[in-house]
Amino acid sequence: MKETRLGDFEEVVLLLVGILGEQAYAFNIAEEFEAQTERSISIGAVHSTLSRLEDKGFLTSEMGASTAERGGRRKRIYTITAYGRRALELSRDLKVSLWKQYPAFAPDFLNFGGQI
């Protein structure tokens, strides 16, 4: 049976694909990851994660048009599927539920009306 849950890094990459929209290609995802997390990442790790997410049905990809800035090379653009969006929602809901149950942080949820 194929694994269908999201790992932490997979979740971040999937979110970045959603944030970047039509600019969601591996190099751009790696740059955005580093900007958002202040952590370096290899392009190979991003490629393997994107491939795994596509195998799980959370992403689709297609080759974009060639551009002069890349010497005529084309980019593989990734898009989140409905199944991928659902996986993100389930992951978010689980984490929010756990944060609300943790007594040290539960009052913060009450002060902000339960919003993160």
PDB file of N, CA and C in Angstrom:
ATOM      1  N   MET A   1       0.844  -1.183   0.000  1.00  0.00           N
ATOM      2  CA  MET A   1       0.000   0.000   0.000  1.00  0.00           C
ATOM      3  C   MET A   1       0.890   1.247   0.000  1.00  0.00           C
ATOM      4  N   LYS A   2       0.563   2.191  -0.859  1.00  0.00           N
ATOM      5  CA  LYS A   2       1.332   3.416  -0.979  1.00  0.00           C
ATOM      6  C   LYS A   2       1.044   4.343   0.207  1.00  0.00           C
ATOM      7  N   GLU A   3       2.115   4.919   0.751  1.00  0.00           N
ATOM      8  CA  GLU A   3       1.971   5.863   1.865  1.00  0.00           C
ATOM      9  C   GLU A   3       1.262   7.121   1.368  1.00  0.00           C
ATOM     10  N   THR A   4       0.251   7.561   2.085  1.00  0.00           N
ATOM     11  CA  THR A   4      -0.506   8.739   1.643  1.00  0.00           C
ATOM     12  C   THR A   4      -0.482   9.872   2.649  1.00  0.00           C
ATOM     13  N   ARG A   5       0.242   9.704   3.765  1.00  0.00           N
ATOM     14  CA  ARG A   5       0.345  10.802   4.724  1.00  0.00           C
ATOM     15  C   ARG A   5       1.479  11.736   4.332  1.00  0.00           C
ATOM     16  N   LEU A   6       1.445  12.925   4.908  1.00  0.00           N
ATOM     17  CA  LEU A   6       2.482  13.915   4.642  1.00  0.00           C
ATOM     18  C   LEU A   6       3.516  13.916   5.747  1.00  0.00           C
ATOM     19  N   GLY A   7       4.797  13.872   5.383  1.00  0.00           N
ATOM     20  CA  GLY A   7       5.853  14.114   6.338  1.00  0.00           C
ATOM     21  C   GLY A   7       5.988  15.620   6.531  1.00  0.00           C
ATOM     22  N   ASP A   8       6.721  16.045   7.549  1.00  0.00           N
ATOM     23  CA  ASP A   8       6.866  17.484   7.820  1.00  0.00           C
ATOM     24  C   ASP A   8       7.485  18.240   6.648  1.00  0.00           C
ATOM     25  N   PHE A   9       8.569  17.704   6.087  1.00  0.00           N
ATOM     26  CA  PHE A   9       9.204  18.387   4.963  1.00  0.00           C
ATOM     27  C   PHE A   9       8.297  18.374   3.739  1.00  0.00           C
ATOM     28  N   GLU A  10       7.618  17.254   3.522  1.00  0.00           N
ATOM     29  CA  GLU A  10       6.676  17.173   2.401  1.00  0.00           C
ATOM     30  C   GLU A  10       5.577  18.230   2.542  1.00  0.00           C
ATOM     31  N   GLU A  11       5.111  18.404   3.756  1.00  0.00           N
ATOM     32  CA  GLU A  11       4.058  19.397   4.001  1.00  0.00           C
ATOM     33  C   GLU A  11       4.553  20.804   3.646  1.00  0.00           C
ATOM     34  N   VAL A  12       5.755  21.136   4.054  1.00  0.00           N
ATOM     35  CA  VAL A  12       6.307  22.464   3.757  1.00  0.00           C
ATOM     36  C   VAL A  12       6.459  22.641   2.244  1.00  0.00           C
ATOM     37  N   VAL A  13       6.988  21.641   1.566  1.00  0.00           N
ATOM     38  CA  VAL A  13       7.158  21.740   0.112  1.00  0.00           C
ATOM     39  C   VAL A  13       5.800  21.881  -0.569  1.00  0.00           C
ATOM     40  N   LEU A  14       4.822  21.123  -0.125  1.00  0.00           N
ATOM     41  CA  LEU A  14       3.481  21.215  -0.720  1.00  0.00           C
ATOM     42  C   LEU A  14       2.885  22.604  -0.498  1.00  0.00           C
ATOM     43  N   LEU A  15       3.076  23.156   0.690  1.00  0.00           N
ATOM     44  CA  LEU A  15       2.608  24.516   0.952  1.00  0.00           C
ATOM     45  C   LEU A  15       3.317  25.532   0.053  1.00  0.00           C
ATOM     46  N   LEU A  16       4.620  25.353  -0.132  1.00  0.00           N
ATOM     47  CA  LEU A  16       5.365  26.280  -0.998  1.00  0.00           C
ATOM     48  C   LEU A  16       4.878  26.194  -2.440  1.00  0.00           C
ATOM     49  N   VAL A  17       4.533  25.004  -2.895  1.00  0.00           N
ATOM     50  CA  VAL A  17       3.968  24.875  -4.248  1.00  0.00           C
ATOM     51  C   VAL A  17       2.684  25.701  -4.336  1.00  0.00           C
ATOM     52  N   GLY A  18       1.855  25.628  -3.318  1.00  0.00           N
ATOM     53  CA  GLY A  18       0.618  26.408  -3.307  1.00  0.00           C
ATOM     54  C   GLY A  18       0.895  27.906  -3.251  1.00  0.00           C
ATOM     55  N   ILE A  19       1.861  28.310  -2.470  1.00  0.00           N
ATOM     56  CA  ILE A  19       2.207  29.729  -2.332  1.00  0.00           C
ATOM     57  C   ILE A  19       2.774  30.272  -3.643  1.00  0.00           C
ATOM     58  N   LEU A  20       3.630  29.505  -4.299  1.00  0.00           N
ATOM     59  CA  LEU A  20       4.308  29.989  -5.506  1.00  0.00           C
ATOM     60  C   LEU A  20       3.431  29.927  -6.754  1.00  0.00           C
ATOM     61  N   GLY A  21       2.389  29.116  -6.732  1.00  0.00           N
ATOM     62  CA  GLY A  21       1.463  29.038  -7.872  1.00  0.00           C
ATOM     63  C   GLY A  21       2.177  28.679  -9.167  1.00  0.00           C
ATOM     64  N   GLU A  22       2.021  29.495 -10.193  1.00  0.00           N
ATOM     65  CA  GLU A  22       2.593  29.193 -11.514  1.00  0.00           C
ATOM     66  C   GLU A  22       4.114  29.284 -11.531  1.00  0.00           C
ATOM     67  N   GLN A  23       4.710  29.747 -10.459  1.00  0.00           N
ATOM     68  CA  GLN A  23       6.177  29.814 -10.353  1.00  0.00           C
ATOM     69  C   GLN A  23       6.730  28.675  -9.503  1.00  0.00           C
ATOM     70  N   ALA A  24       5.939  27.616  -9.319  1.00  0.00           N
ATOM     71  CA  ALA A  24       6.352  26.489  -8.472  1.00  0.00           C
ATOM     72  C   ALA A  24       7.180  25.488  -9.268  1.00  0.00           C
ATOM     73  N   TYR A  25       8.463  25.750  -9.401  1.00  0.00           N
ATOM     74  CA  TYR A  25       9.410  24.809  -9.990  1.00  0.00           C
ATOM     75  C   TYR A  25      10.534  24.603  -8.985  1.00  0.00           C
ATOM     76  N   ALA A  26      11.267  23.514  -9.127  1.00  0.00           N
ATOM     77  CA  ALA A  26      12.180  23.041  -8.083  1.00  0.00           C
ATOM     78  C   ALA A  26      13.136  24.108  -7.563  1.00  0.00           C
ATOM     79  N   PHE A  27      13.824  24.797  -8.467  1.00  0.00           N
ATOM     80  CA  PHE A  27      14.798  25.790  -8.012  1.00  0.00           C
ATOM     81  C   PHE A  27      14.121  26.904  -7.211  1.00  0.00           C
ATOM     82  N   ASN A  28      12.980  27.367  -7.691  1.00  0.00           N
ATOM     83  CA  ASN A  28      12.253  28.431  -7.004  1.00  0.00           C
ATOM     84  C   ASN A  28      11.733  27.957  -5.639  1.00  0.00           C
ATOM     85  N   ILE A  29      11.296  26.715  -5.570  1.00  0.00           N
ATOM     86  CA  ILE A  29      10.827  26.135  -4.309  1.00  0.00           C
ATOM     87  C   ILE A  29      11.982  26.075  -3.308  1.00  0.00           C
ATOM     88  N   ALA A  30      13.160  25.667  -3.773  1.00  0.00           N
ATOM     89  CA  ALA A  30      14.335  25.607  -2.890  1.00  0.00           C
ATOM     90  C   ALA A  30      14.693  26.996  -2.366  1.00  0.00           C
ATOM     91  N   GLU A  31      14.656  27.997  -3.256  1.00  0.00           N
ATOM     92  CA  GLU A  31      14.954  29.370  -2.819  1.00  0.00           C
ATOM     93  C   GLU A  31      13.929  29.873  -1.810  1.00  0.00           C
ATOM     94  N   GLU A  32      12.673  29.588  -2.063  1.00  0.00           N
ATOM     95  CA  GLU A  32      11.617  30.038  -1.154  1.00  0.00           C
ATOM     96  C   GLU A  32      11.717  29.325   0.193  1.00  0.00           C
ATOM     97  N   PHE A  33      12.075  28.034   0.151  1.00  0.00           N
ATOM     98  CA  PHE A  33      12.269  27.283   1.395  1.00  0.00           C
ATOM     99  C   PHE A  33      13.355  27.955   2.238  1.00  0.00           C
ATOM    100  N   GLU A  34      14.476  28.292   1.604  1.00  0.00           N
ATOM    101  CA  GLU A  34      15.579  28.923   2.332  1.00  0.00           C
ATOM    102  C   GLU A  34      15.177  30.300   2.857  1.00  0.00           C
ATOM    103  N   ALA A  35      14.418  31.052   2.070  1.00  0.00           N
ATOM    104  CA  ALA A  35      13.977  32.382   2.516  1.00  0.00           C
ATOM    105  C   ALA A  35      13.008  32.288   3.690  1.00  0.00           C
ATOM    106  N   GLN A  36      12.117  31.315   3.636  1.00  0.00           N
ATOM    107  CA  GLN A  36      11.091  31.195   4.679  1.00  0.00           C
ATOM    108  C   GLN A  36      11.628  30.571   5.971  1.00  0.00           C
ATOM    109  N   THR A  37      12.572  29.628   5.834  1.00  0.00           N
ATOM    110  CA  THR A  37      13.028  28.880   7.014  1.00  0.00           C
ATOM    111  C   THR A  37      14.415  29.275   7.493  1.00  0.00           C
ATOM    112  N   GLU A  38      15.168  30.014   6.636  1.00  0.00           N
ATOM    113  CA  GLU A  38      16.553  30.356   6.932  1.00  0.00           C
ATOM    114  C   GLU A  38      17.410  29.107   7.111  1.00  0.00           C
ATOM    115  N   ARG A  39      17.058  28.065   6.367  1.00  0.00           N
ATOM    116  CA  ARG A  39      17.804  26.804   6.357  1.00  0.00           C
ATOM    117  C   ARG A  39      18.135  26.471   4.911  1.00  0.00           C
ATOM    118  N   SER A  40      19.341  25.952   4.695  1.00  0.00           N
ATOM    119  CA  SER A  40      19.704  25.574   3.331  1.00  0.00           C
ATOM    120  C   SER A  40      19.109  24.213   2.991  1.00  0.00           C
ATOM    121  N   ILE A  41      18.938  23.987   1.705  1.00  0.00           N
ATOM    122  CA  ILE A  41      18.362  22.726   1.229  1.00  0.00           C
ATOM    123  C   ILE A  41      19.012  22.408  -0.115  1.00  0.00           C
ATOM    124  N   SER A  42      19.249  21.155  -0.364  1.00  0.00           N
ATOM    125  CA  SER A  42      19.814  20.778  -1.667  1.00  0.00           C
ATOM    126  C   SER A  42      18.690  20.688  -2.691  1.00  0.00           C
ATOM    127  N   ILE A  43      19.029  21.016  -3.924  1.00  0.00           N
ATOM    128  CA  ILE A  43      18.042  20.920  -4.989  1.00  0.00           C
ATOM    129  C   ILE A  43      17.621  19.455  -5.183  1.00  0.00           C
ATOM    130  N   GLY A  44      18.529  18.535  -4.897  1.00  0.00           N
ATOM    131  CA  GLY A  44      18.200  17.110  -5.004  1.00  0.00           C
ATOM    132  C   GLY A  44      17.120  16.691  -4.019  1.00  0.00           C
ATOM    133  N   ALA A  45      17.187  17.246  -2.807  1.00  0.00           N
ATOM    134  CA  ALA A  45      16.161  16.932  -1.812  1.00  0.00           C
ATOM    135  C   ALA A  45      14.799  17.455  -2.257  1.00  0.00           C
ATOM    136  N   VAL A  46      14.807  18.619  -2.878  1.00  0.00           N
ATOM    137  CA  VAL A  46      13.538  19.184  -3.370  1.00  0.00           C
ATOM    138  C   VAL A  46      12.998  18.330  -4.510  1.00  0.00           C
ATOM    139  N   HIS A  47      13.886  17.962  -5.452  1.00  0.00           N
ATOM    140  CA  HIS A  47      13.441  17.124  -6.578  1.00  0.00           C
ATOM    141  C   HIS A  47      12.867  15.798  -6.089  1.00  0.00           C
ATOM    142  N   SER A  48      13.553  15.131  -5.171  1.00  0.00           N
ATOM    143  CA  SER A  48      13.063  13.819  -4.716  1.00  0.00           C
ATOM    144  C   SER A  48      11.744  13.959  -3.962  1.00  0.00           C
ATOM    145  N   THR A  49      11.590  15.048  -3.210  1.00  0.00           N
ATOM    146  CA  THR A  49      10.334  15.267  -2.486  1.00  0.00           C
ATOM    147  C   THR A  49       9.188  15.563  -3.452  1.00  0.00           C
ATOM    148  N   LEU A  50       9.467  16.390  -4.462  1.00  0.00           N
ATOM    149  CA  LEU A  50       8.430  16.681  -5.462  1.00  0.00           C
ATOM    150  C   LEU A  50       8.011  15.402  -6.189  1.00  0.00           C
ATOM    151  N   SER A  51       8.965  14.569  -6.515  1.00  0.00           N
ATOM    152  CA  SER A  51       8.663  13.301  -7.196  1.00  0.00           C
ATOM    153  C   SER A  51       7.804  12.402  -6.306  1.00  0.00           C
ATOM    154  N   ARG A  52       8.164  12.328  -5.025  1.00  0.00           N
ATOM    155  CA  ARG A  52       7.410  11.498  -4.076  1.00  0.00           C
ATOM    156  C   ARG A  52       5.980  12.035  -3.911  1.00  0.00           C
ATOM    157  N   LEU A  53       5.843  13.359  -3.814  1.00  0.00           N
ATOM    158  CA  LEU A  53       4.510  13.952  -3.677  1.00  0.00           C
ATOM    159  C   LEU A  53       3.670  13.710  -4.927  1.00  0.00           C
ATOM    160  N   GLU A  54       4.321  13.712  -6.071  1.00  0.00           N
ATOM    161  CA  GLU A  54       3.599  13.424  -7.317  1.00  0.00           C
ATOM    162  C   GLU A  54       3.178  11.954  -7.344  1.00  0.00           C
ATOM    163  N   ASP A  55       4.052  11.062  -6.897  1.00  0.00           N
ATOM    164  CA  ASP A  55       3.708   9.629  -6.844  1.00  0.00           C
ATOM    165  C   ASP A  55       2.523   9.378  -5.909  1.00  0.00           C
ATOM    166  N   LYS A  56       2.443  10.157  -4.846  1.00  0.00           N
ATOM    167  CA  LYS A  56       1.345  10.003  -3.886  1.00  0.00           C
ATOM    168  C   LYS A  56       0.035  10.624  -4.394  1.00  0.00           C
ATOM    169  N   GLY A  57       0.112  11.358  -5.491  1.00  0.00           N
ATOM    170  CA  GLY A  57      -1.089  11.983  -6.046  1.00  0.00           C
ATOM    171  C   GLY A  57      -1.392  13.355  -5.473  1.00  0.00           C
ATOM    172  N   PHE A  58      -0.446  13.936  -4.735  1.00  0.00           N
ATOM    173  CA  PHE A  58      -0.654  15.254  -4.133  1.00  0.00           C
ATOM    174  C   PHE A  58      -0.294  16.389  -5.092  1.00  0.00           C
ATOM    175  N   LEU A  59       0.479  16.074  -6.121  1.00  0.00           N
ATOM    176  CA  LEU A  59       0.916  17.066  -7.100  1.00  0.00           C
ATOM    177  C   LEU A  59       0.780  16.506  -8.510  1.00  0.00           C
ATOM    178  N   THR A  60       0.646  17.421  -9.463  1.00  0.00           N
ATOM    179  CA  THR A  60       0.834  17.088 -10.867  1.00  0.00           C
ATOM    180  C   THR A  60       1.916  18.033 -11.380  1.00  0.00           C
ATOM    181  N   SER A  61       2.483  17.712 -12.507  1.00  0.00           N
ATOM    182  CA  SER A  61       3.484  18.606 -13.078  1.00  0.00           C
ATOM    183  C   SER A  61       3.387  18.587 -14.594  1.00  0.00           C
ATOM    184  N   GLU A  62       3.873  19.641 -15.181  1.00  0.00           N
ATOM    185  CA  GLU A  62       3.978  19.716 -16.629  1.00  0.00           C
ATOM    186  C   GLU A  62       5.130  20.644 -16.981  1.00  0.00           C
ATOM    187  N   MET A  63       5.683  20.433 -18.156  1.00  0.00           N
ATOM    188  CA  MET A  63       6.791  21.266 -18.596  1.00  0.00           C
ATOM    189  C   MET A  63       6.263  22.607 -19.075  1.00  0.00           C
ATOM    190  N   GLY A  64       6.859  23.685 -18.576  1.00  0.00           N
ATOM    191  CA  GLY A  64       6.502  25.021 -19.007  1.00  0.00           C
ATOM    192  C   GLY A  64       7.226  25.374 -20.298  1.00  0.00           C
ATOM    193  N   ALA A  65       6.976  26.557 -20.780  1.00  0.00           N
ATOM    194  CA  ALA A  65       7.620  27.031 -22.009  1.00  0.00           C
ATOM    195  C   ALA A  65       9.091  27.336 -21.729  1.00  0.00           C
ATOM    196  N   SER A  66       9.908  27.255 -22.764  1.00  0.00           N
ATOM    197  CA  SER A  66      11.320  27.602 -22.607  1.00  0.00           C
ATOM    198  C   SER A  66      11.454  29.110 -22.449  1.00  0.00           C
ATOM    199  N   THR A  67      12.487  29.498 -21.704  1.00  0.00           N
ATOM    200  CA  THR A  67      12.700  30.928 -21.469  1.00  0.00           C
ATOM    201  C   THR A  67      14.141  31.287 -21.797  1.00  0.00           C
ATOM    202  N   ALA A  68      14.330  32.517 -22.241  1.00  0.00           N
ATOM    203  CA  ALA A  68      15.677  32.986 -22.580  1.00  0.00           C
ATOM    204  C   ALA A  68      16.553  33.045 -21.339  1.00  0.00           C
ATOM    205  N   GLU A  69      15.957  33.378 -20.181  1.00  0.00           N
ATOM    206  CA  GLU A  69      16.749  33.496 -18.949  1.00  0.00           C
ATOM    207  C   GLU A  69      17.394  32.176 -18.552  1.00  0.00           C
ATOM    208  N   ARG A  70      16.844  31.071 -18.994  1.00  0.00           N
ATOM    209  CA  ARG A  70      17.396  29.749 -18.686  1.00  0.00           C
ATOM    210  C   ARG A  70      18.075  29.135 -19.905  1.00  0.00           C
ATOM    211  N   GLY A  71      18.462  29.958 -20.861  1.00  0.00           N
ATOM    212  CA  GLY A  71      19.144  29.464 -22.050  1.00  0.00           C
ATOM    213  C   GLY A  71      18.269  28.562 -22.896  1.00  0.00           C
ATOM    214  N   GLY A  72      16.983  28.799 -22.870  1.00  0.00           N
ATOM    215  CA  GLY A  72      16.059  28.008 -23.672  1.00  0.00           C
ATOM    216  C   GLY A  72      15.564  26.745 -22.983  1.00  0.00           C
ATOM    217  N   ARG A  73      16.058  26.478 -21.790  1.00  0.00           N
ATOM    218  CA  ARG A  73      15.608  25.274 -21.081  1.00  0.00           C
ATOM    219  C   ARG A  73      14.219  25.503 -20.504  1.00  0.00           C
ATOM    220  N   ARG A  74      13.477  24.433 -20.382  1.00  0.00           N
ATOM    221  CA  ARG A  74      12.121  24.498 -19.849  1.00  0.00           C
ATOM    222  C   ARG A  74      12.123  24.126 -18.368  1.00  0.00           C
ATOM    223  N   LYS A  75      11.111  24.597 -17.654  1.00  0.00           N
ATOM    224  CA  LYS A  75      10.959  24.296 -16.232  1.00  0.00           C
ATOM    225  C   LYS A  75       9.795  23.332 -16.050  1.00  0.00           C
ATOM    226  N   ARG A  76       9.919  22.442 -15.070  1.00  0.00           N
ATOM    227  CA  ARG A  76       8.786  21.578 -14.708  1.00  0.00           C
ATOM    228  C   ARG A  76       8.001  22.316 -13.620  1.00  0.00           C
ATOM    229  N   ILE A  77       6.765  22.673 -13.927  1.00  0.00           N
ATOM    230  CA  ILE A  77       5.912  23.430 -13.026  1.00  0.00           C
ATOM    231  C   ILE A  77       4.983  22.460 -12.281  1.00  0.00           C
ATOM    232  N   TYR A  78       4.895  22.618 -10.969  1.00  0.00           N
ATOM    233  CA  TYR A  78       4.085  21.734 -10.128  1.00  0.00           C
ATOM    234  C   TYR A  78       2.806  22.428  -9.689  1.00  0.00           C
ATOM    235  N   THR A  79       1.740  21.637  -9.580  1.00  0.00           N
ATOM    236  CA  THR A  79       0.428  22.124  -9.151  1.00  0.00           C
ATOM    237  C   THR A  79      -0.151  21.156  -8.131  1.00  0.00           C
ATOM    238  N   ILE A  80      -0.738  21.694  -7.085  1.00  0.00           N
ATOM    239  CA  ILE A  80      -1.365  20.845  -6.066  1.00  0.00           C
ATOM    240  C   ILE A  80      -2.682  20.295  -6.606  1.00  0.00           C
ATOM    241  N   THR A  81      -2.915  19.024  -6.368  1.00  0.00           N
ATOM    242  CA  THR A  81      -4.188  18.399  -6.745  1.00  0.00           C
ATOM    243  C   THR A  81      -5.206  18.611  -5.623  1.00  0.00           C
ATOM    244  N   ALA A  82      -6.454  18.294  -5.893  1.00  0.00           N
ATOM    245  CA  ALA A  82      -7.495  18.363  -4.861  1.00  0.00           C
ATOM    246  C   ALA A  82      -7.141  17.415  -3.710  1.00  0.00           C
ATOM    247  N   TYR A  83      -6.588  16.277  -4.044  1.00  0.00           N
ATOM    248  CA  TYR A  83      -6.151  15.312  -3.031  1.00  0.00           C
ATOM    249  C   TYR A  83      -5.026  15.903  -2.175  1.00  0.00           C
ATOM    250  N   GLY A  84      -4.127  16.646  -2.777  1.00  0.00           N
ATOM    251  CA  GLY A  84      -3.056  17.310  -2.039  1.00  0.00           C
ATOM    252  C   GLY A  84      -3.591  18.389  -1.113  1.00  0.00           C
ATOM    253  N   ARG A  85      -4.556  19.169  -1.618  1.00  0.00           N
ATOM    254  CA  ARG A  85      -5.178  20.204  -0.752  1.00  0.00           C
ATOM    255  C   ARG A  85      -5.870  19.562   0.435  1.00  0.00           C
ATOM    256  N   ARG A  86      -6.522  18.443   0.189  1.00  0.00           N
ATOM    257  CA  ARG A  86      -7.206  17.741   1.289  1.00  0.00           C
ATOM    258  C   ARG A  86      -6.184  17.231   2.307  1.00  0.00           C
ATOM    259  N   ALA A  87      -5.057  16.716   1.842  1.00  0.00           N
ATOM    260  CA  ALA A  87      -4.010  16.242   2.757  1.00  0.00           C
ATOM    261  C   ALA A  87      -3.483  17.396   3.604  1.00  0.00           C
ATOM    262  N   LEU A  88      -3.322  18.579   2.996  1.00  0.00           N
ATOM    263  CA  LEU A  88      -2.877  19.753   3.761  1.00  0.00           C
ATOM    264  C   LEU A  88      -3.920  20.146   4.813  1.00  0.00           C
ATOM    265  N   GLU A  89      -5.168  20.127   4.438  1.00  0.00           N
ATOM    266  CA  GLU A  89      -6.231  20.480   5.398  1.00  0.00           C
ATOM    267  C   GLU A  89      -6.241  19.511   6.582  1.00  0.00           C
ATOM    268  N   LEU A  90      -6.114  18.224   6.293  1.00  0.00           N
ATOM    269  CA  LEU A  90      -6.116  17.232   7.370  1.00  0.00           C
ATOM    270  C   LEU A  90      -4.912  17.423   8.287  1.00  0.00           C
ATOM    271  N   SER A  91      -3.751  17.698   7.706  1.00  0.00           N
ATOM    272  CA  SER A  91      -2.545  17.923   8.497  1.00  0.00           C
ATOM    273  C   SER A  91      -2.713  19.163   9.381  1.00  0.00           C
ATOM    274  N   ARG A  92      -3.217  20.252   8.788  1.00  0.00           N
ATOM    275  CA  ARG A  92      -3.454  21.493   9.547  1.00  0.00           C
ATOM    276  C   ARG A  92      -4.441  21.247  10.688  1.00  0.00           C
ATOM    277  N   ASP A  93      -5.547  20.575  10.390  1.00  0.00           N
ATOM    278  CA  ASP A  93      -6.576  20.346  11.405  1.00  0.00           C
ATOM    279  C   ASP A  93      -6.036  19.529  12.572  1.00  0.00           C
ATOM    280  N   LEU A  94      -5.232  18.508  12.274  1.00  0.00           N
ATOM    281  CA  LEU A  94      -4.642  17.692  13.341  1.00  0.00           C
ATOM    282  C   LEU A  94      -3.734  18.549  14.214  1.00  0.00           C
ATOM    283  N   LYS A  95      -2.895  19.353  13.586  1.00  0.00           N
ATOM    284  CA  LYS A  95      -1.948  20.174  14.360  1.00  0.00           C
ATOM    285  C   LYS A  95      -2.672  21.231  15.190  1.00  0.00           C
ATOM    286  N   VAL A  96      -3.679  21.857  14.642  1.00  0.00           N
ATOM    287  CA  VAL A  96      -4.452  22.858  15.405  1.00  0.00           C
ATOM    288  C   VAL A  96      -5.114  22.180  16.607  1.00  0.00           C
ATOM    289  N   SER A  97      -5.671  21.007  16.381  1.00  0.00           N
ATOM    290  CA  SER A  97      -6.311  20.282  17.471  1.00  0.00           C
ATOM    291  C   SER A  97      -5.305  19.969  18.585  1.00  0.00           C
ATOM    292  N   LEU A  98      -4.119  19.532  18.199  1.00  0.00           N
ATOM    293  CA  LEU A  98      -3.096  19.214  19.205  1.00  0.00           C
ATOM    294  C   LEU A  98      -2.638  20.473  19.947  1.00  0.00           C
ATOM    295  N   TRP A  99      -2.446  21.583  19.232  1.00  0.00           N
ATOM    296  CA  TRP A  99      -2.027  22.833  19.881  1.00  0.00           C
ATOM    297  C   TRP A  99      -3.088  23.288  20.869  1.00  0.00           C
ATOM    298  N   LYS A 100      -4.339  23.122  20.528  1.00  0.00           N
ATOM    299  CA  LYS A 100      -5.419  23.540  21.430  1.00  0.00           C
ATOM    300  C   LYS A 100      -5.463  22.693  22.687  1.00  0.00           C
ATOM    301  N   GLN A 101      -5.008  21.449  22.604  1.00  0.00           N
ATOM    302  CA  GLN A 101      -5.054  20.551  23.757  1.00  0.00           C
ATOM    303  C   GLN A 101      -3.849  20.705  24.667  1.00  0.00           C
ATOM    304  N   TYR A 102      -2.800  21.342  24.188  1.00  0.00           N
ATOM    305  CA  TYR A 102      -1.586  21.504  24.985  1.00  0.00           C
ATOM    306  C   TYR A 102      -1.830  22.655  25.962  1.00  0.00           C
ATOM    307  N   PRO A 103      -1.910  22.351  27.263  1.00  0.00           N
ATOM    308  CA  PRO A 103      -2.317  23.365  28.249  1.00  0.00           C
ATOM    309  C   PRO A 103      -1.469  24.635  28.237  1.00  0.00           C
ATOM    310  N   ALA A 104      -0.188  24.524  28.003  1.00  0.00           N
ATOM    311  CA  ALA A 104       0.671  25.713  28.034  1.00  0.00           C
ATOM    312  C   ALA A 104       0.331  26.692  26.920  1.00  0.00           C
ATOM    313  N   PHE A 105      -0.240  26.216  25.833  1.00  0.00           N
ATOM    314  CA  PHE A 105      -0.554  27.091  24.701  1.00  0.00           C
ATOM    315  C   PHE A 105      -2.046  27.300  24.514  1.00  0.00           C
ATOM    316  N   ALA A 106      -2.880  26.501  25.158  1.00  0.00           N
ATOM    317  CA  ALA A 106      -4.326  26.606  24.978  1.00  0.00           C
ATOM    318  C   ALA A 106      -4.847  28.012  25.251  1.00  0.00           C
ATOM    319  N   PRO A 107      -4.372  28.737  26.304  1.00  0.00           N
ATOM    320  CA  PRO A 107      -4.881  30.099  26.516  1.00  0.00           C
ATOM    321  C   PRO A 107      -4.616  31.028  25.331  1.00  0.00           C
ATOM    322  N   ASP A 108      -3.540  30.823  24.601  1.00  0.00           N
ATOM    323  CA  ASP A 108      -3.265  31.647  23.422  1.00  0.00           C
ATOM    324  C   ASP A 108      -4.367  31.500  22.386  1.00  0.00           C
ATOM    325  N   PHE A 109      -4.904  30.296  22.248  1.00  0.00           N
ATOM    326  CA  PHE A 109      -5.981  30.092  21.295  1.00  0.00           C
ATOM    327  C   PHE A 109      -7.239  30.817  21.754  1.00  0.00           C
ATOM    328  N   LEU A 110      -7.468  30.851  23.076  1.00  0.00           N
ATOM    329  CA  LEU A 110      -8.649  31.538  23.582  1.00  0.00           C
ATOM    330  C   LEU A 110      -8.520  33.044  23.359  1.00  0.00           C
ATOM    331  N   ASN A 111      -7.317  33.592  23.550  1.00  0.00           N
ATOM    332  CA  ASN A 111      -7.096  35.032  23.376  1.00  0.00           C
ATOM    333  C   ASN A 111      -7.237  35.490  21.930  1.00  0.00           C
ATOM    334  N   PHE A 112      -6.968  34.594  20.983  1.00  0.00           N
ATOM    335  CA  PHE A 112      -7.058  34.958  19.579  1.00  0.00           C
ATOM    336  C   PHE A 112      -8.290  34.358  18.914  1.00  0.00           C
ATOM    337  N   GLY A 113      -9.259  33.961  19.717  1.00  0.00           N
ATOM    338  CA  GLY A 113     -10.488  33.409  19.170  1.00  0.00           C
ATOM    339  C   GLY A 113     -10.286  32.094  18.450  1.00  0.00           C
ATOM    340  N   GLY A 114      -9.234  31.356  18.846  1.00  0.00           N
ATOM    341  CA  GLY A 114      -8.996  30.058  18.239  1.00  0.00           C
ATOM    342  C   GLY A 114      -8.326  30.132  16.887  1.00  0.00           C
ATOM    343  N   GLN A 115      -7.898  31.318  16.468  1.00  0.00           N
ATOM    344  CA  GLN A 115      -7.237  31.480  15.175  1.00  0.00           C
ATOM    345  C   GLN A 115      -5.728  31.390  15.335  1.00  0.00           C
ATOM    346  N   ILE A 116      -5.108  30.839  14.357  1.00  0.00           N
ATOM    347  CA  ILE A 116      -3.645  30.812  14.344  1.00  0.00           C
ATOM    348  C   ILE A 116      -3.170  31.935  13.483  1.00  0.00           C
TER     349      ILE A 116
END
